[in-house]
PDB file of N, CA and C in Angstrom:
ATOM      1  N   MET A   1     145.987  95.525  56.810  1.00  0.00           N
ATOM      2  CA  MET A   1     147.125  94.772  57.301  1.00  0.00           C
ATOM      3  C   MET A   1     146.809  94.127  58.637  1.00  0.00           C
ATOM      4  N   LEU A   2     146.005  94.775  59.455  1.00  0.00           N
ATOM      5  CA  LEU A   2     145.663  94.220  60.761  1.00  0.00           C
ATOM      6  C   LEU A   2     144.951  92.884  60.612  1.00  0.00           C
ATOM      7  N   ASP A   3     144.104  92.731  59.594  1.00  0.00           N
ATOM      8  CA  ASP A   3     143.390  91.472  59.393  1.00  0.00           C
ATOM      9  C   ASP A   3     144.343  90.316  59.167  1.00  0.00           C
ATOM     10  N   ARG A   4     145.386  90.532  58.388  1.00  0.00           N
ATOM     11  CA  ARG A   4     146.371  89.490  58.123  1.00  0.00           C
ATOM     12  C   ARG A   4     147.136  89.130  59.398  1.00  0.00           C
ATOM     13  N   ARG A   5     147.479  90.144  60.192  1.00  0.00           N
ATOM     14  CA  ARG A   5     148.193  89.888  61.449  1.00  0.00           C
ATOM     15  C   ARG A   5     147.305  89.183  62.453  1.00  0.00           C
ATOM     16  N   VAL A   6     146.026  89.532  62.485  1.00  0.00           N
ATOM     17  CA  VAL A   6     145.104  88.875  63.406  1.00  0.00           C
ATOM     18  C   VAL A   6     144.983  87.398  63.054  1.00  0.00           C
ATOM     19  N   ALA A   7     144.942  87.092  61.764  1.00  0.00           N
ATOM     20  CA  ALA A   7     144.864  85.696  61.345  1.00  0.00           C
ATOM     21  C   ALA A   7     146.111  84.931  61.784  1.00  0.00           C
ATOM     22  N   ARG A   8     147.259  85.588  61.748  1.00  0.00           N
ATOM     23  CA  ARG A   8     148.520  84.922  62.080  1.00  0.00           C
ATOM     24  C   ARG A   8     148.806  84.891  63.578  1.00  0.00           C
ATOM     25  N   PHE A   9     148.484  85.984  64.291  1.00  0.00           N
ATOM     26  CA  PHE A   9     148.852  86.110  65.696  1.00  0.00           C
ATOM     27  C   PHE A   9     147.668  86.113  66.659  1.00  0.00           C
ATOM     28  N   GLY A  10     146.458  85.952  66.154  1.00  0.00           N
ATOM     29  CA  GLY A  10     145.282  85.996  67.018  1.00  0.00           C
ATOM     30  C   GLY A  10     145.113  87.378  67.599  1.00  0.00           C
ATOM     31  N   ASN A  11     144.628  87.430  68.825  1.00  0.00           N
ATOM     32  CA  ASN A  11     144.404  88.740  69.435  1.00  0.00           C
ATOM     33  C   ASN A  11     145.704  89.396  69.897  1.00  0.00           C
ATOM     34  N   ALA A  12     146.838  88.715  69.756  1.00  0.00           N
ATOM     35  CA  ALA A  12     148.120  89.300  70.145  1.00  0.00           C
ATOM     36  C   ALA A  12     148.405  90.567  69.347  1.00  0.00           C
ATOM     37  N   ALA A  13     148.030  90.590  68.068  1.00  0.00           N
ATOM     38  CA  ALA A  13     148.245  91.780  67.236  1.00  0.00           C
ATOM     39  C   ALA A  13     147.409  92.949  67.739  1.00  0.00           C
ATOM     40  N   GLU A  14     146.189  92.676  68.135  1.00  0.00           N
ATOM     41  CA  GLU A  14     145.323  93.738  68.657  1.00  0.00           C
ATOM     42  C   GLU A  14     145.858  94.268  69.981  1.00  0.00           C
ATOM     43  N   VAL A  15     146.268  93.367  70.860  1.00  0.00           N
ATOM     44  CA  VAL A  15     146.818  93.768  72.159  1.00  0.00           C
ATOM     45  C   VAL A  15     148.091  94.579  71.955  1.00  0.00           C
ATOM     46  N   TRP A  16     148.939  94.143  71.037  1.00  0.00           N
ATOM     47  CA  TRP A  16     150.177  94.863  70.728  1.00  0.00           C
ATOM     48  C   TRP A  16     149.860  96.285  70.278  1.00  0.00           C
ATOM     49  N   ASP A  17     148.921  96.419  69.339  1.00  0.00           N
ATOM     50  CA  ASP A  17     148.558  97.745  68.832  1.00  0.00           C
ATOM     51  C   ASP A  17     147.967  98.630  69.917  1.00  0.00           C
ATOM     52  N   ARG A  18     147.279  98.044  70.855  1.00  0.00           N
ATOM     53  CA  ARG A  18     146.649  98.818  71.928  1.00  0.00           C
ATOM     54  C   ARG A  18     147.668  99.279  72.974  1.00  0.00           C
ATOM     55  N   LEU A  19     148.680  98.464  73.268  1.00  0.00           N
ATOM     56  CA  LEU A  19     149.578  98.750  74.386  1.00  0.00           C
ATOM     57  C   LEU A  19     150.906  99.409  74.005  1.00  0.00           C
ATOM     58  N   ILE A  20     151.335  99.243  72.769  1.00  0.00           N
ATOM     59  CA  ILE A  20     152.621  99.810  72.356  1.00  0.00           C
ATOM     60  C   ILE A  20     152.374 101.143  71.651  1.00  0.00           C
ATOM     61  N   PRO A  21     153.036 102.211  72.091  1.00  0.00           N
ATOM     62  CA  PRO A  21     152.832 103.524  71.468  1.00  0.00           C
ATOM     63  C   PRO A  21     153.166 103.516  69.975  1.00  0.00           C
ATOM     64  N   GLN A  22     152.440 104.308  69.234  1.00  0.00           N
ATOM     65  CA  GLN A  22     152.592 104.384  67.781  1.00  0.00           C
ATOM     66  C   GLN A  22     154.029 104.674  67.362  1.00  0.00           C
ATOM     67  N   THR A  23     154.713 105.548  68.081  1.00  0.00           N
ATOM     68  CA  THR A  23     156.082 105.916  67.700  1.00  0.00           C
ATOM     69  C   THR A  23     157.021 104.712  67.738  1.00  0.00           C
ATOM     70  N   ILE A  24     156.786 103.791  68.648  1.00  0.00           N
ATOM     71  CA  ILE A  24     157.594 102.569  68.726  1.00  0.00           C
ATOM     72  C   ILE A  24     157.087 101.551  67.709  1.00  0.00           C
ATOM     73  N   ARG A  25     155.770 101.399  67.619  1.00  0.00           N
ATOM     74  CA  ARG A  25     155.169 100.430  66.688  1.00  0.00           C
ATOM     75  C   ARG A  25     155.599 100.656  65.246  1.00  0.00           C
ATOM     76  N   ASP A  26     155.794 101.921  64.875  1.00  0.00           N
ATOM     77  CA  ASP A  26     156.174 102.250  63.494  1.00  0.00           C
ATOM     78  C   ASP A  26     157.516 101.638  63.100  1.00  0.00           C
ATOM     79  N   ASP A  27     158.367 101.328  64.083  1.00  0.00           N
ATOM     80  CA  ASP A  27     159.688 100.764  63.794  1.00  0.00           C
ATOM     81  C   ASP A  27     159.790  99.317  64.279  1.00  0.00           C
ATOM     82  N   THR A  28     158.650  98.616  64.319  1.00  0.00           N
ATOM     83  CA  THR A  28     158.639  97.208  64.737  1.00  0.00           C
ATOM     84  C   THR A  28     157.775  96.389  63.788  1.00  0.00           C
ATOM     85  N   ARG A  29     157.993  95.067  63.850  1.00  0.00           N
ATOM     86  CA  ARG A  29     157.178  94.130  63.079  1.00  0.00           C
ATOM     87  C   ARG A  29     157.049  92.858  63.893  1.00  0.00           C
ATOM     88  N   LEU A  30     155.818  92.384  64.058  1.00  0.00           N
ATOM     89  CA  LEU A  30     155.616  91.093  64.693  1.00  0.00           C
ATOM     90  C   LEU A  30     156.074  90.045  63.693  1.00  0.00           C
ATOM     91  N   SER A  31     157.035  89.229  64.099  1.00  0.00           N
ATOM     92  CA  SER A  31     157.675  88.314  63.165  1.00  0.00           C
ATOM     93  C   SER A  31     157.183  86.881  63.289  1.00  0.00           C
ATOM     94  N   GLY A  32     156.948  86.436  64.496  1.00  0.00           N
ATOM     95  CA  GLY A  32     156.529  85.053  64.666  1.00  0.00           C
ATOM     96  C   GLY A  32     155.985  84.796  66.051  1.00  0.00           C
ATOM     97  N   LEU A  33     155.234  83.720  66.165  1.00  0.00           N
ATOM     98  CA  LEU A  33     154.693  83.286  67.451  1.00  0.00           C
ATOM     99  C   LEU A  33     154.792  81.776  67.482  1.00  0.00           C
ATOM    100  N   SER A  34     155.654  81.282  68.362  1.00  0.00           N
ATOM    101  CA  SER A  34     155.866  79.851  68.437  1.00  0.00           C
ATOM    102  C   SER A  34     156.138  79.457  69.883  1.00  0.00           C
ATOM    103  N   GLY A  35     155.407  78.479  70.365  1.00  0.00           N
ATOM    104  CA  GLY A  35     155.613  77.996  71.723  1.00  0.00           C
ATOM    105  C   GLY A  35     155.428  79.058  72.785  1.00  0.00           C
ATOM    106  N   GLY A  36     154.562  80.018  72.517  1.00  0.00           N
ATOM    107  CA  GLY A  36     154.305  81.084  73.476  1.00  0.00           C
ATOM    108  C   GLY A  36     155.280  82.244  73.400  1.00  0.00           C
ATOM    109  N   VAL A  37     156.268  82.155  72.506  1.00  0.00           N
ATOM    110  CA  VAL A  37     157.270  83.214  72.373  1.00  0.00           C
ATOM    111  C   VAL A  37     156.928  84.078  71.159  1.00  0.00           C
ATOM    112  N   LEU A  38     156.656  85.342  71.415  1.00  0.00           N
ATOM    113  CA  LEU A  38     156.386  86.308  70.359  1.00  0.00           C
ATOM    114  C   LEU A  38     157.705  86.945  69.960  1.00  0.00           C
ATOM    115  N   THR A  39     158.071  86.822  68.696  1.00  0.00           N
ATOM    116  CA  THR A  39     159.292  87.441  68.200  1.00  0.00           C
ATOM    117  C   THR A  39     158.931  88.747  67.522  1.00  0.00           C
ATOM    118  N   VAL A  40     159.615  89.811  67.944  1.00  0.00           N
ATOM    119  CA  VAL A  40     159.373  91.154  67.411  1.00  0.00           C
ATOM    120  C   VAL A  40     160.670  91.664  66.809  1.00  0.00           C
ATOM    121  N   VAL A  41     160.609  92.084  65.561  1.00  0.00           N
ATOM    122  CA  VAL A  41     161.759  92.665  64.887  1.00  0.00           C
ATOM    123  C   VAL A  41     161.682  94.177  65.052  1.00  0.00           C
ATOM    124  N   THR A  42     162.803  94.783  65.442  1.00  0.00           N
ATOM    125  CA  THR A  42     162.884  96.236  65.558  1.00  0.00           C
ATOM    126  C   THR A  42     163.839  96.756  64.508  1.00  0.00           C
ATOM    127  N   GLY A  43     163.614  97.966  64.052  1.00  0.00           N
ATOM    128  CA  GLY A  43     164.417  98.538  62.987  1.00  0.00           C
ATOM    129  C   GLY A  43     165.769  99.051  63.415  1.00  0.00           C
ATOM    130  N   SER A  44     165.967  99.231  64.720  1.00  0.00           N
ATOM    131  CA  SER A  44     167.253  99.752  65.199  1.00  0.00           C
ATOM    132  C   SER A  44     167.479  99.306  66.637  1.00  0.00           C
ATOM    133  N   ALA A  45     168.728  99.394  67.052  1.00  0.00           N
ATOM    134  CA  ALA A  45     169.064  99.064  68.437  1.00  0.00           C
ATOM    135  C   ALA A  45     168.394 100.047  69.397  1.00  0.00           C
ATOM    136  N   ALA A  46     168.260 101.295  68.972  1.00  0.00           N
ATOM    137  CA  ALA A  46     167.614 102.299  69.828  1.00  0.00           C
ATOM    138  C   ALA A  46     166.156 101.948  70.073  1.00  0.00           C
ATOM    139  N   THR A  47     165.455 101.516  69.030  1.00  0.00           N
ATOM    140  CA  THR A  47     164.058 101.104  69.190  1.00  0.00           C
ATOM    141  C   THR A  47     163.970  99.866  70.061  1.00  0.00           C
ATOM    142  N   SER A  48     164.888  98.936  69.863  1.00  0.00           N
ATOM    143  CA  SER A  48     164.907  97.721  70.664  1.00  0.00           C
ATOM    144  C   SER A  48     165.098  98.057  72.146  1.00  0.00           C
ATOM    145  N   PHE A  49     166.020  98.966  72.434  1.00  0.00           N
ATOM    146  CA  PHE A  49     166.266  99.375  73.811  1.00  0.00           C
ATOM    147  C   PHE A  49     165.035 100.039  74.416  1.00  0.00           C
ATOM    148  N   THR A  50     164.429 100.960  73.676  1.00  0.00           N
ATOM    149  CA  THR A  50     163.244 101.666  74.161  1.00  0.00           C
ATOM    150  C   THR A  50     162.099 100.696  74.404  1.00  0.00           C
ATOM    151  N   LEU A  51     161.892  99.776  73.481  1.00  0.00           N
ATOM    152  CA  LEU A  51     160.828  98.787  73.630  1.00  0.00           C
ATOM    153  C   LEU A  51     161.113  97.858  74.802  1.00  0.00           C
ATOM    154  N   ASP A  52     162.359  97.459  74.976  1.00  0.00           N
ATOM    155  CA  ASP A  52     162.726  96.612  76.103  1.00  0.00           C
ATOM    156  C   ASP A  52     162.399  97.295  77.430  1.00  0.00           C
ATOM    157  N   ARG A  53     162.731  98.565  77.539  1.00  0.00           N
ATOM    158  CA  ARG A  53     162.428  99.327  78.772  1.00  0.00           C
ATOM    159  C   ARG A  53     160.920  99.379  79.005  1.00  0.00           C
ATOM    160  N   LEU A  54     160.161  99.618  77.944  1.00  0.00           N
ATOM    161  CA  LEU A  54     158.705  99.683  78.052  1.00  0.00           C
ATOM    162  C   LEU A  54     158.138  98.346  78.507  1.00  0.00           C
ATOM    163  N   LEU A  55     158.597  97.268  77.882  1.00  0.00           N
ATOM    164  CA  LEU A  55     158.105  95.939  78.245  1.00  0.00           C
ATOM    165  C   LEU A  55     158.444  95.609  79.693  1.00  0.00           C
ATOM    166  N   ARG A  56     159.653  95.922  80.111  1.00  0.00           N
ATOM    167  CA  ARG A  56     160.076  95.630  81.482  1.00  0.00           C
ATOM    168  C   ARG A  56     159.343  96.470  82.523  1.00  0.00           C
ATOM    169  N   SER A  57     158.751  97.568  82.089  1.00  0.00           N
ATOM    170  CA  SER A  57     158.009  98.424  83.030  1.00  0.00           C
ATOM    171  C   SER A  57     156.631  97.841  83.360  1.00  0.00           C
ATOM    172  N   GLY A  58     156.305  96.692  82.784  1.00  0.00           N
ATOM    173  CA  GLY A  58     155.041  96.039  83.101  1.00  0.00           C
ATOM    174  C   GLY A  58     154.146  95.777  81.906  1.00  0.00           C
ATOM    175  N   VAL A  59     154.493  96.338  80.764  1.00  0.00           N
ATOM    176  CA  VAL A  59     153.670  96.144  79.580  1.00  0.00           C
ATOM    177  C   VAL A  59     153.710  94.677  79.130  1.00  0.00           C
ATOM    178  N   ASP A  60     154.846  93.998  79.368  1.00  0.00           N
ATOM    179  CA  ASP A  60     154.919  92.580  78.988  1.00  0.00           C
ATOM    180  C   ASP A  60     153.858  91.761  79.714  1.00  0.00           C
ATOM    181  N   HIS A  61     153.638  92.042  80.986  1.00  0.00           N
ATOM    182  CA  HIS A  61     152.610  91.323  81.742  1.00  0.00           C
ATOM    183  C   HIS A  61     151.204  91.662  81.241  1.00  0.00           C
ATOM    184  N   GLN A  62     151.007  92.911  80.826  1.00  0.00           N
ATOM    185  CA  GLN A  62     149.715  93.298  80.262  1.00  0.00           C
ATOM    186  C   GLN A  62     149.461  92.551  78.955  1.00  0.00           C
ATOM    187  N   ILE A  63     150.501  92.374  78.149  1.00  0.00           N
ATOM    188  CA  ILE A  63     150.363  91.632  76.901  1.00  0.00           C
ATOM    189  C   ILE A  63     150.043  90.174  77.197  1.00  0.00           C
ATOM    190  N   MET A  64     150.749  89.583  78.147  1.00  0.00           N
ATOM    191  CA  MET A  64     150.509  88.190  78.512  1.00  0.00           C
ATOM    192  C   MET A  64     149.081  87.995  79.027  1.00  0.00           C
ATOM    193  N   THR A  65     148.636  88.902  79.848  1.00  0.00           N
ATOM    194  CA  THR A  65     147.276  88.835  80.375  1.00  0.00           C
ATOM    195  C   THR A  65     146.254  89.063  79.277  1.00  0.00           C
ATOM    196  N   GLY A  66     146.517  90.030  78.407  1.00  0.00           N
ATOM    197  CA  GLY A  66     145.592  90.364  77.327  1.00  0.00           C
ATOM    198  C   GLY A  66     145.431  89.265  76.297  1.00  0.00           C
ATOM    199  N   THR A  67     146.415  88.377  76.204  1.00  0.00           N
ATOM    200  CA  THR A  67     146.339  87.273  75.253  1.00  0.00           C
ATOM    201  C   THR A  67     145.974  85.964  75.952  1.00  0.00           C
ATOM    202  N   ASP A  68     145.499  86.054  77.172  1.00  0.00           N
ATOM    203  CA  ASP A  68     145.079  84.875  77.947  1.00  0.00           C
ATOM    204  C   ASP A  68     146.164  83.816  78.029  1.00  0.00           C
ATOM    205  N   GLY A  69     147.404  84.243  78.188  1.00  0.00           N
ATOM    206  CA  GLY A  69     148.516  83.318  78.340  1.00  0.00           C
ATOM    207  C   GLY A  69     149.055  82.732  77.046  1.00  0.00           C
ATOM    208  N   LYS A  70     148.499  83.141  75.903  1.00  0.00           N
ATOM    209  CA  LYS A  70     149.005  82.639  74.621  1.00  0.00           C
ATOM    210  C   LYS A  70     150.459  83.057  74.422  1.00  0.00           C
ATOM    211  N   ILE A  71     150.806  84.242  74.922  1.00  0.00           N
ATOM    212  CA  ILE A  71     152.190  84.718  74.871  1.00  0.00           C
ATOM    213  C   ILE A  71     152.763  84.605  76.274  1.00  0.00           C
ATOM    214  N   THR A  72     153.900  83.923  76.375  1.00  0.00           N
ATOM    215  CA  THR A  72     154.556  83.769  77.671  1.00  0.00           C
ATOM    216  C   THR A  72     155.877  84.527  77.738  1.00  0.00           C
ATOM    217  N   ARG A  73     156.393  84.907  76.572  1.00  0.00           N
ATOM    218  CA  ARG A  73     157.665  85.618  76.511  1.00  0.00           C
ATOM    219  C   ARG A  73     157.725  86.424  75.218  1.00  0.00           C
ATOM    220  N   ILE A  74     158.445  87.544  75.276  1.00  0.00           N
ATOM    221  CA  ILE A  74     158.611  88.374  74.083  1.00  0.00           C
ATOM    222  C   ILE A  74     160.101  88.484  73.799  1.00  0.00           C
ATOM    223  N   ARG A  75     160.470  88.118  72.581  1.00  0.00           N
ATOM    224  CA  ARG A  75     161.871  88.154  72.162  1.00  0.00           C
ATOM    225  C   ARG A  75     162.043  89.267  71.142  1.00  0.00           C
ATOM    226  N   LEU A  76     163.062  90.087  71.342  1.00  0.00           N
ATOM    227  CA  LEU A  76     163.334  91.191  70.430  1.00  0.00           C
ATOM    228  C   LEU A  76     164.601  90.894  69.631  1.00  0.00           C
ATOM    229  N   ARG A  77     164.571  91.285  68.363  1.00  0.00           N
ATOM    230  CA  ARG A  77     165.790  91.213  67.550  1.00  0.00           C
ATOM    231  C   ARG A  77     165.771  92.373  66.580  1.00  0.00           C
ATOM    232  N   VAL A  78     166.945  92.867  66.286  1.00  0.00           N
ATOM    233  CA  VAL A  78     167.094  93.975  65.348  1.00  0.00           C
ATOM    234  C   VAL A  78     167.184  93.405  63.948  1.00  0.00           C
ATOM    235  N   GLY A  79     166.452  94.006  63.036  1.00  0.00           N
ATOM    236  CA  GLY A  79     166.460  93.520  61.656  1.00  0.00           C
ATOM    237  C   GLY A  79     165.671  94.429  60.750  1.00  0.00           C
ATOM    238  N   ARG A  80     165.236  93.876  59.653  1.00  0.00           N
ATOM    239  CA  ARG A  80     164.487  94.642  58.666  1.00  0.00           C
ATOM    240  C   ARG A  80     163.010  94.629  59.034  1.00  0.00           C
ATOM    241  N   VAL A  81     162.440  95.800  59.187  1.00  0.00           N
ATOM    242  CA  VAL A  81     161.042  95.916  59.626  1.00  0.00           C
ATOM    243  C   VAL A  81     160.079  95.767  58.460  1.00  0.00           C
ATOM    244  N   SER A  82     160.406  96.363  57.310  1.00  0.00           N
ATOM    245  CA  SER A  82     159.494  96.287  56.177  1.00  0.00           C
ATOM    246  C   SER A  82     159.500  94.874  55.610  1.00  0.00           C
ATOM    247  N   GLU A  83     158.312  94.414  55.209  1.00  0.00           N
ATOM    248  CA  GLU A  83     158.190  93.044  54.707  1.00  0.00           C
ATOM    249  C   GLU A  83     158.428  92.961  53.242  1.00  0.00           C
TER     250      GLU A  83
END
């Protein structure tokens, strides 16, 4: 599955997997990347809140740096995680 995500999101998928803890990643799905905005779907409001806190603690800047500026913003929305 990582190969398909890498083709779609470039190294953003690898950076995401490296920086976001497995317990949070299990309830998320990278949904889209357009105009520098990475859209992430979360399975619940609780996961969205936890991920938001994590991103605001500085992980968002690590993601932006790790993708060489390809991602400038991360948008979260609650929805269906399984494809």
